[in-house]
N, C-alpha and C. Protein backbone atom coordinates (compact mmCIF):
# COMPACT_ATOMS: atom_id res chain seq x y z
N MET A 1 -38.12 -38.12 -9.52
CA MET A 1 -38.13 -36.82 -10.15
C MET A 1 -37.11 -36.85 -11.31
N ARG A 2 -37.42 -36.10 -12.33
CA ARG A 2 -36.48 -35.87 -13.43
C ARG A 2 -35.74 -34.57 -13.15
N ILE A 3 -34.45 -34.54 -13.44
CA ILE A 3 -33.66 -33.34 -13.17
C ILE A 3 -33.11 -32.78 -14.48
N ILE A 4 -33.36 -31.51 -14.70
CA ILE A 4 -32.86 -30.83 -15.89
C ILE A 4 -32.03 -29.65 -15.41
N SER A 5 -30.82 -29.59 -15.60
CA SER A 5 -29.97 -30.53 -16.28
C SER A 5 -28.76 -30.85 -15.41
N LYS A 6 -28.39 -32.12 -15.41
CA LYS A 6 -27.23 -32.53 -14.63
C LYS A 6 -25.97 -31.83 -15.14
N LYS A 7 -25.94 -31.50 -16.42
CA LYS A 7 -24.78 -30.81 -17.00
C LYS A 7 -24.44 -29.54 -16.24
N THR A 8 -25.44 -28.83 -15.76
CA THR A 8 -25.20 -27.60 -14.99
C THR A 8 -24.43 -27.93 -13.72
N LEU A 9 -24.82 -28.99 -13.04
CA LEU A 9 -24.12 -29.40 -11.83
C LEU A 9 -22.70 -29.84 -12.16
N LYS A 10 -22.57 -30.64 -13.21
CA LYS A 10 -21.26 -31.16 -13.59
C LYS A 10 -20.32 -30.04 -14.01
N ASP A 11 -20.82 -29.09 -14.78
CA ASP A 11 -19.99 -27.95 -15.18
C ASP A 11 -19.48 -27.19 -13.96
N PHE A 12 -20.32 -27.09 -12.94
CA PHE A 12 -19.92 -26.38 -11.73
C PHE A 12 -18.83 -27.14 -11.00
N TYR A 13 -19.04 -28.41 -10.70
CA TYR A 13 -18.05 -29.13 -9.90
C TYR A 13 -16.80 -29.52 -10.67
N MET A 14 -16.84 -29.46 -11.98
CA MET A 14 -15.64 -29.74 -12.77
C MET A 14 -14.69 -28.54 -12.78
N SER A 15 -15.19 -27.39 -12.39
CA SER A 15 -14.35 -26.20 -12.27
C SER A 15 -13.44 -26.39 -11.05
N PRO A 16 -12.13 -26.18 -11.21
CA PRO A 16 -11.20 -26.46 -10.10
C PRO A 16 -11.56 -25.77 -8.79
N GLN A 17 -12.06 -24.53 -8.84
CA GLN A 17 -12.35 -23.84 -7.58
C GLN A 17 -13.57 -24.39 -6.86
N TYR A 18 -14.39 -25.20 -7.54
CA TYR A 18 -15.60 -25.75 -6.92
C TYR A 18 -15.58 -27.27 -6.87
N SER A 19 -14.43 -27.87 -7.09
CA SER A 19 -14.35 -29.33 -7.14
C SER A 19 -14.76 -30.00 -5.83
N ASP A 20 -14.68 -29.26 -4.73
CA ASP A 20 -15.09 -29.82 -3.44
C ASP A 20 -16.61 -30.03 -3.34
N SER A 21 -17.35 -29.54 -4.31
CA SER A 21 -18.81 -29.71 -4.29
C SER A 21 -19.26 -30.98 -4.98
N LYS A 22 -18.34 -31.67 -5.66
CA LYS A 22 -18.72 -32.83 -6.48
C LYS A 22 -19.49 -33.89 -5.70
N ASN A 23 -18.95 -34.36 -4.60
CA ASN A 23 -19.60 -35.44 -3.86
C ASN A 23 -20.98 -35.04 -3.36
N ALA A 24 -21.10 -33.83 -2.85
CA ALA A 24 -22.39 -33.37 -2.33
C ALA A 24 -23.41 -33.21 -3.45
N LEU A 25 -22.99 -32.65 -4.58
CA LEU A 25 -23.93 -32.47 -5.70
C LEU A 25 -24.33 -33.81 -6.32
N GLU A 26 -23.38 -34.72 -6.43
CA GLU A 26 -23.70 -36.05 -6.96
C GLU A 26 -24.66 -36.79 -6.02
N ALA A 27 -24.43 -36.68 -4.72
CA ALA A 27 -25.32 -37.32 -3.75
C ALA A 27 -26.72 -36.72 -3.82
N TRP A 28 -26.82 -35.38 -3.90
CA TRP A 28 -28.13 -34.72 -4.02
C TRP A 28 -28.83 -35.20 -5.29
N HIS A 29 -28.12 -35.22 -6.40
CA HIS A 29 -28.70 -35.64 -7.68
C HIS A 29 -29.23 -37.07 -7.60
N LYS A 30 -28.41 -37.97 -7.11
CA LYS A 30 -28.78 -39.38 -7.01
C LYS A 30 -30.02 -39.56 -6.12
N GLU A 31 -30.05 -38.85 -5.02
CA GLU A 31 -31.17 -38.94 -4.08
C GLU A 31 -32.47 -38.40 -4.70
N VAL A 32 -32.39 -37.24 -5.33
CA VAL A 32 -33.59 -36.60 -5.88
C VAL A 32 -34.18 -37.42 -7.02
N LEU A 33 -33.34 -38.10 -7.80
CA LEU A 33 -33.85 -38.94 -8.88
C LEU A 33 -34.81 -40.02 -8.37
N LYS A 34 -34.61 -40.46 -7.15
CA LYS A 34 -35.43 -41.52 -6.57
C LYS A 34 -36.72 -41.01 -5.91
N LEU A 35 -36.85 -39.70 -5.77
CA LEU A 35 -37.96 -39.13 -5.01
C LEU A 35 -39.16 -38.80 -5.89
N ASP A 36 -40.28 -38.53 -5.22
CA ASP A 36 -41.52 -38.21 -5.91
C ASP A 36 -42.25 -37.13 -5.11
N TRP A 37 -41.72 -35.91 -5.21
CA TRP A 37 -42.30 -34.82 -4.44
C TRP A 37 -43.62 -34.35 -5.04
N ASN A 38 -44.57 -34.06 -4.17
CA ASN A 38 -45.86 -33.53 -4.60
C ASN A 38 -46.12 -32.13 -4.05
N THR A 39 -45.41 -31.76 -2.99
CA THR A 39 -45.60 -30.46 -2.36
C THR A 39 -44.28 -29.95 -1.79
N PRO A 40 -44.18 -28.65 -1.59
CA PRO A 40 -42.98 -28.10 -0.93
C PRO A 40 -42.78 -28.67 0.48
N ASN A 41 -43.87 -28.98 1.16
CA ASN A 41 -43.77 -29.53 2.52
C ASN A 41 -43.00 -30.84 2.55
N GLU A 42 -43.15 -31.65 1.51
CA GLU A 42 -42.43 -32.92 1.45
C GLU A 42 -40.92 -32.68 1.35
N ILE A 43 -40.53 -31.63 0.64
CA ILE A 43 -39.12 -31.28 0.53
C ILE A 43 -38.60 -30.83 1.88
N LYS A 44 -39.37 -29.98 2.54
CA LYS A 44 -38.97 -29.43 3.84
C LYS A 44 -38.83 -30.53 4.89
N GLU A 45 -39.67 -31.55 4.82
CA GLU A 45 -39.57 -32.67 5.76
C GLU A 45 -38.24 -33.40 5.60
N MET A 46 -37.78 -33.51 4.37
CA MET A 46 -36.56 -34.26 4.08
C MET A 46 -35.31 -33.38 4.22
N TYR A 47 -35.40 -32.15 3.78
CA TYR A 47 -34.28 -31.21 3.80
C TYR A 47 -34.66 -30.03 4.69
N LYS A 48 -34.39 -30.16 5.95
CA LYS A 48 -34.80 -29.15 6.93
C LYS A 48 -34.21 -27.77 6.65
N SER A 49 -33.00 -27.73 6.09
CA SER A 49 -32.36 -26.43 5.85
C SER A 49 -32.75 -25.81 4.50
N ALA A 50 -33.54 -26.52 3.71
CA ALA A 50 -33.97 -25.97 2.42
C ALA A 50 -34.91 -24.79 2.66
N SER A 51 -34.83 -23.82 1.77
CA SER A 51 -35.73 -22.66 1.83
C SER A 51 -36.71 -22.75 0.68
N ILE A 52 -37.99 -22.69 1.01
CA ILE A 52 -39.04 -22.73 0.00
C ILE A 52 -39.37 -21.29 -0.38
N ILE A 53 -39.26 -20.98 -1.67
CA ILE A 53 -39.52 -19.64 -2.17
C ILE A 53 -40.73 -19.73 -3.11
N GLY A 54 -41.86 -19.23 -2.66
CA GLY A 54 -43.07 -19.32 -3.47
C GLY A 54 -43.54 -20.75 -3.60
N ASP A 55 -44.25 -21.04 -4.68
CA ASP A 55 -44.80 -22.38 -4.87
C ASP A 55 -43.85 -23.33 -5.60
N GLU A 56 -42.85 -22.78 -6.29
CA GLU A 56 -42.04 -23.64 -7.15
C GLU A 56 -40.54 -23.63 -6.86
N LYS A 57 -40.00 -22.59 -6.26
CA LYS A 57 -38.55 -22.49 -6.08
C LYS A 57 -38.12 -23.01 -4.72
N VAL A 58 -36.95 -23.68 -4.75
CA VAL A 58 -36.37 -24.21 -3.53
C VAL A 58 -34.87 -23.92 -3.55
N VAL A 59 -34.34 -23.49 -2.41
CA VAL A 59 -32.91 -23.26 -2.26
C VAL A 59 -32.37 -24.34 -1.32
N PHE A 60 -31.42 -25.12 -1.84
CA PHE A 60 -30.78 -26.17 -1.05
C PHE A 60 -29.39 -25.70 -0.65
N ASN A 61 -28.98 -26.05 0.55
CA ASN A 61 -27.63 -25.82 1.02
C ASN A 61 -26.81 -27.05 0.67
N ILE A 62 -25.70 -26.83 -0.01
CA ILE A 62 -24.88 -27.93 -0.53
C ILE A 62 -23.50 -27.87 0.10
N ALA A 63 -22.93 -29.04 0.33
CA ALA A 63 -21.56 -29.18 0.86
C ALA A 63 -21.43 -28.43 2.19
N GLU A 64 -22.25 -28.83 3.13
CA GLU A 64 -22.24 -28.25 4.47
C GLU A 64 -22.45 -26.73 4.43
N ASN A 65 -23.38 -26.32 3.59
CA ASN A 65 -23.80 -24.93 3.47
C ASN A 65 -22.75 -24.03 2.82
N LYS A 66 -21.81 -24.62 2.08
CA LYS A 66 -20.81 -23.83 1.39
C LYS A 66 -21.36 -23.25 0.08
N TYR A 67 -22.30 -23.97 -0.52
CA TYR A 67 -22.87 -23.57 -1.80
C TYR A 67 -24.39 -23.54 -1.71
N ARG A 68 -24.99 -22.81 -2.64
CA ARG A 68 -26.45 -22.73 -2.74
C ARG A 68 -26.87 -23.27 -4.10
N LEU A 69 -27.89 -24.10 -4.08
CA LEU A 69 -28.47 -24.67 -5.29
C LEU A 69 -29.92 -24.24 -5.34
N ILE A 70 -30.29 -23.54 -6.41
CA ILE A 70 -31.68 -23.11 -6.59
C ILE A 70 -32.30 -23.93 -7.70
N VAL A 71 -33.48 -24.46 -7.41
CA VAL A 71 -34.22 -25.22 -8.42
C VAL A 71 -35.65 -24.71 -8.49
N THR A 72 -36.27 -24.95 -9.62
CA THR A 72 -37.70 -24.74 -9.79
C THR A 72 -38.30 -26.12 -10.00
N ILE A 73 -39.42 -26.38 -9.35
CA ILE A 73 -40.02 -27.71 -9.44
C ILE A 73 -41.42 -27.64 -10.03
N ASN A 74 -41.64 -28.48 -11.01
CA ASN A 74 -42.98 -28.70 -11.55
C ASN A 74 -43.45 -30.00 -10.91
N TYR A 75 -44.26 -29.88 -9.88
CA TYR A 75 -44.69 -31.06 -9.12
C TYR A 75 -45.57 -31.98 -9.95
N TYR A 76 -46.40 -31.42 -10.81
CA TYR A 76 -47.30 -32.22 -11.64
C TYR A 76 -46.51 -33.09 -12.62
N ALA A 77 -45.53 -32.48 -13.30
CA ALA A 77 -44.73 -33.20 -14.29
C ALA A 77 -43.56 -33.96 -13.66
N LYS A 78 -43.30 -33.72 -12.36
CA LYS A 78 -42.20 -34.39 -11.64
C LYS A 78 -40.84 -34.02 -12.23
N ILE A 79 -40.65 -32.72 -12.48
CA ILE A 79 -39.40 -32.24 -13.05
C ILE A 79 -38.79 -31.18 -12.15
N VAL A 80 -37.49 -31.33 -11.91
CA VAL A 80 -36.70 -30.37 -11.15
C VAL A 80 -35.77 -29.66 -12.15
N PHE A 81 -35.90 -28.35 -12.23
CA PHE A 81 -35.07 -27.56 -13.14
C PHE A 81 -33.98 -26.86 -12.34
N ILE A 82 -32.71 -27.13 -12.67
CA ILE A 82 -31.60 -26.46 -12.01
C ILE A 82 -31.54 -25.03 -12.54
N LYS A 83 -31.59 -24.05 -11.63
CA LYS A 83 -31.58 -22.65 -12.02
C LYS A 83 -30.28 -21.94 -11.67
N PHE A 84 -29.64 -22.38 -10.57
CA PHE A 84 -28.43 -21.69 -10.10
C PHE A 84 -27.68 -22.61 -9.15
N ILE A 85 -26.36 -22.57 -9.25
CA ILE A 85 -25.50 -23.18 -8.25
C ILE A 85 -24.32 -22.24 -8.08
N GLY A 86 -24.01 -21.91 -6.83
CA GLY A 86 -22.90 -21.00 -6.59
C GLY A 86 -22.61 -20.83 -5.12
N THR A 87 -21.64 -20.00 -4.85
CA THR A 87 -21.26 -19.69 -3.46
C THR A 87 -22.31 -18.75 -2.85
N HIS A 88 -22.21 -18.54 -1.57
CA HIS A 88 -23.11 -17.59 -0.91
C HIS A 88 -22.91 -16.18 -1.46
N LYS A 89 -21.67 -15.83 -1.74
CA LYS A 89 -21.37 -14.51 -2.28
C LYS A 89 -22.03 -14.33 -3.65
N GLN A 90 -21.96 -15.35 -4.48
CA GLN A 90 -22.61 -15.30 -5.79
C GLN A 90 -24.13 -15.26 -5.64
N TYR A 91 -24.63 -16.04 -4.71
CA TYR A 91 -26.08 -16.09 -4.44
C TYR A 91 -26.58 -14.71 -4.01
N ASP A 92 -25.81 -14.02 -3.20
CA ASP A 92 -26.22 -12.70 -2.71
C ASP A 92 -26.34 -11.66 -3.83
N LYS A 93 -25.70 -11.92 -4.97
CA LYS A 93 -25.73 -10.97 -6.09
C LYS A 93 -26.88 -11.20 -7.05
N ILE A 94 -27.62 -12.29 -6.90
CA ILE A 94 -28.71 -12.56 -7.84
C ILE A 94 -30.05 -12.19 -7.24
N ASP A 95 -31.02 -12.01 -8.10
CA ASP A 95 -32.40 -11.80 -7.67
C ASP A 95 -33.14 -13.08 -7.99
N ILE A 96 -33.47 -13.83 -6.95
CA ILE A 96 -34.08 -15.14 -7.13
C ILE A 96 -35.39 -15.07 -7.92
N LYS A 97 -36.06 -13.96 -7.87
CA LYS A 97 -37.32 -13.80 -8.62
C LYS A 97 -37.09 -13.82 -10.12
N ASP A 98 -35.88 -13.47 -10.54
CA ASP A 98 -35.56 -13.45 -11.97
C ASP A 98 -35.20 -14.81 -12.54
N LEU A 99 -35.03 -15.77 -11.68
CA LEU A 99 -34.65 -17.11 -12.17
C LEU A 99 -35.86 -17.89 -12.63
């Protein structure tokens, strides 16, 4: 899979208050680059705690569920778009439908 954009992840974990997310986000990024998802079910098989929202959005729990990562996936083009990364408190303030 192609991931757009790693810069979003890096900007997040380079912030001092979120530096503890670096290893988990880097591991997620490295792993996803090697994958070839065709359906949401394939994601759910690999990431049991992931939440599938509609046909394209997925919420991943990062750093032992300390952070939430929302992506949109174009399965045909094999592209993962980073839409949001934040704490649970920040996640609770957004409307996932607007992403």
